[in-house]
Amino acid sequence: ATESGRSPERGGGEGQGRRQRKKTNKEKDEEKKKRGKTVCQIPAISPRIPPLRSLTSDPCPLAANSLVSALFGYTFALRLYNGDLSDLEVLPEFCQAVLSTSVGLADGRGFGSVE
């Protein structure tokens, strides 16, 4: 036994000892379904969305960094509203949250890096 009185062979703590395998997202989703919780499924990217480079023959090199800013604003606002945009009254507030979080969208600026 150690100073704490715990046996070093057992790990000495509750829930320790043999390590459990991490569950896959599919297994987690199945457990949520069993408990009656809704499962958020990420939709596949539509094949109708063209690659960014195909939209213009001379893309601005800053576009990728500005895209990161826009996605950050969108992701932040989506989390702010828990992904629930079903209420049409929330949409103006959601859009305002996206614009206020994404400097690139609000000011129309380009960024030389993602920092």
Protein backbone atom coordinates (compact mmCIF):
# COMPACT_ATOMS: atom_id res chain seq x y z
CA ALA A 1 0.00 0.00 0.00
CA THR A 2 1.06 3.60 -0.62
CA GLU A 3 0.92 6.63 1.69
CA SER A 4 -2.72 7.17 0.79
CA GLY A 5 -3.49 3.59 1.76
CA ARG A 6 -4.38 2.63 -1.79
CA SER A 7 -3.02 -0.41 -3.46
CA PRO A 8 -0.79 0.51 -6.45
CA GLU A 9 -1.83 -2.65 -8.31
CA ARG A 10 -5.48 -1.58 -8.48
CA GLY A 11 -4.95 2.05 -9.39
CA GLY A 12 -6.40 3.09 -6.06
CA GLY A 13 -9.39 5.03 -7.31
CA GLU A 14 -13.01 4.47 -8.02
CA GLY A 15 -13.64 3.70 -11.67
CA GLN A 16 -9.97 3.05 -12.36
CA GLY A 17 -8.26 -0.22 -13.11
CA ARG A 18 -8.97 -1.76 -16.47
CA ARG A 19 -9.24 0.88 -19.17
CA GLN A 20 -12.43 0.87 -21.14
CA ARG A 21 -12.50 1.18 -24.91
CA LYS A 22 -13.76 4.55 -26.18
CA LYS A 23 -17.20 4.31 -27.71
CA THR A 24 -17.68 5.21 -31.34
CA ASN A 25 -20.09 7.97 -32.35
CA LYS A 26 -22.42 5.33 -33.74
CA GLU A 27 -22.48 3.52 -30.39
CA LYS A 28 -23.11 6.81 -28.57
CA ASP A 29 -25.97 7.63 -30.96
CA GLU A 30 -27.53 4.20 -30.37
CA GLU A 31 -27.39 4.75 -26.60
CA LYS A 32 -29.05 8.16 -26.98
CA LYS A 33 -31.81 6.60 -29.08
CA LYS A 34 -32.39 3.98 -26.39
CA ARG A 35 -32.73 6.73 -23.76
CA GLY A 36 -35.17 8.64 -25.97
CA LYS A 37 -32.82 11.53 -26.74
CA THR A 38 -32.63 13.02 -30.20
CA VAL A 39 -29.52 12.38 -32.22
CA CYS A 40 -28.02 15.12 -34.37
CA GLN A 41 -26.98 13.75 -37.73
CA ILE A 42 -24.53 15.78 -39.80
CA PRO A 43 -25.79 15.83 -43.39
CA ALA A 44 -23.50 14.92 -46.24
CA ILE A 45 -22.10 17.72 -48.40
CA SER A 46 -24.21 18.07 -51.50
CA PRO A 47 -22.42 17.11 -54.72
CA ARG A 48 -24.13 20.12 -56.35
CA ILE A 49 -21.88 22.50 -54.39
CA PRO A 50 -19.01 23.39 -56.72
CA PRO A 51 -15.42 23.63 -55.46
CA LEU A 52 -14.45 27.17 -54.41
CA ARG A 53 -11.65 27.32 -57.02
CA SER A 54 -14.20 26.71 -59.81
CA LEU A 55 -16.19 29.86 -58.98
CA THR A 56 -13.51 32.20 -60.30
CA SER A 57 -10.44 31.88 -62.48
CA ASP A 58 -8.32 34.06 -60.19
CA PRO A 59 -9.35 33.48 -56.56
CA CYS A 60 -8.03 35.81 -53.90
CA PRO A 61 -5.46 34.04 -51.72
CA LEU A 62 -7.11 35.59 -48.65
CA ALA A 63 -10.44 33.88 -49.37
CA ALA A 64 -9.56 30.74 -47.42
CA ASN A 65 -8.74 32.75 -44.29
CA SER A 66 -11.92 34.78 -44.61
CA LEU A 67 -13.86 31.54 -44.96
CA VAL A 68 -12.47 30.41 -41.61
CA SER A 69 -13.73 33.66 -40.06
CA ALA A 70 -17.18 33.17 -41.58
CA LEU A 71 -17.39 29.55 -40.46
CA PHE A 72 -16.33 30.54 -36.94
CA GLY A 73 -19.13 33.11 -36.77
CA TYR A 74 -21.68 30.63 -38.11
CA THR A 75 -20.55 27.87 -35.74
CA PHE A 76 -20.56 30.18 -32.73
CA ALA A 77 -24.07 31.42 -33.49
CA LEU A 78 -25.35 27.91 -34.17
CA ARG A 79 -24.06 26.77 -30.77
CA LEU A 80 -25.52 29.90 -29.16
CA TYR A 81 -29.00 28.80 -30.31
CA ASN A 82 -28.31 25.08 -29.70
CA GLY A 83 -28.66 24.39 -33.41
CA ASP A 84 -32.38 25.15 -33.32
CA LEU A 85 -33.24 27.63 -36.06
CA SER A 86 -36.78 26.35 -36.57
CA ASP A 87 -38.32 29.49 -35.05
CA LEU A 88 -38.37 32.19 -37.75
CA GLU A 89 -38.28 34.92 -35.12
CA VAL A 90 -34.79 33.74 -34.09
CA LEU A 91 -33.28 34.10 -37.57
CA PRO A 92 -32.57 37.87 -37.42
CA GLU A 93 -30.86 37.43 -34.04
CA PHE A 94 -28.92 34.45 -35.39
CA CYS A 95 -27.72 36.46 -38.39
CA GLN A 96 -26.71 39.33 -36.13
CA ALA A 97 -24.72 36.92 -33.96
CA VAL A 98 -22.93 35.57 -37.05
CA LEU A 99 -22.08 39.08 -38.28
CA SER A 100 -20.94 40.35 -34.90
CA THR A 101 -18.70 37.31 -34.36
CA SER A 102 -17.17 37.15 -37.84
CA VAL A 103 -15.10 40.27 -38.43
CA GLY A 104 -14.56 39.22 -42.04
CA LEU A 105 -18.28 39.22 -42.77
CA ALA A 106 -19.12 42.32 -40.75
CA ASP A 107 -16.34 44.54 -42.17
CA GLY A 108 -15.69 42.83 -45.49
CA ARG A 109 -12.02 42.53 -44.64
CA GLY A 110 -9.62 39.84 -45.82
CA PHE A 111 -7.09 38.21 -43.53
CA GLY A 112 -3.49 37.22 -44.24
CA SER A 113 -3.67 34.36 -41.73
CA VAL A 114 -6.24 32.55 -39.62
CA GLU A 115 -4.87 33.99 -36.36
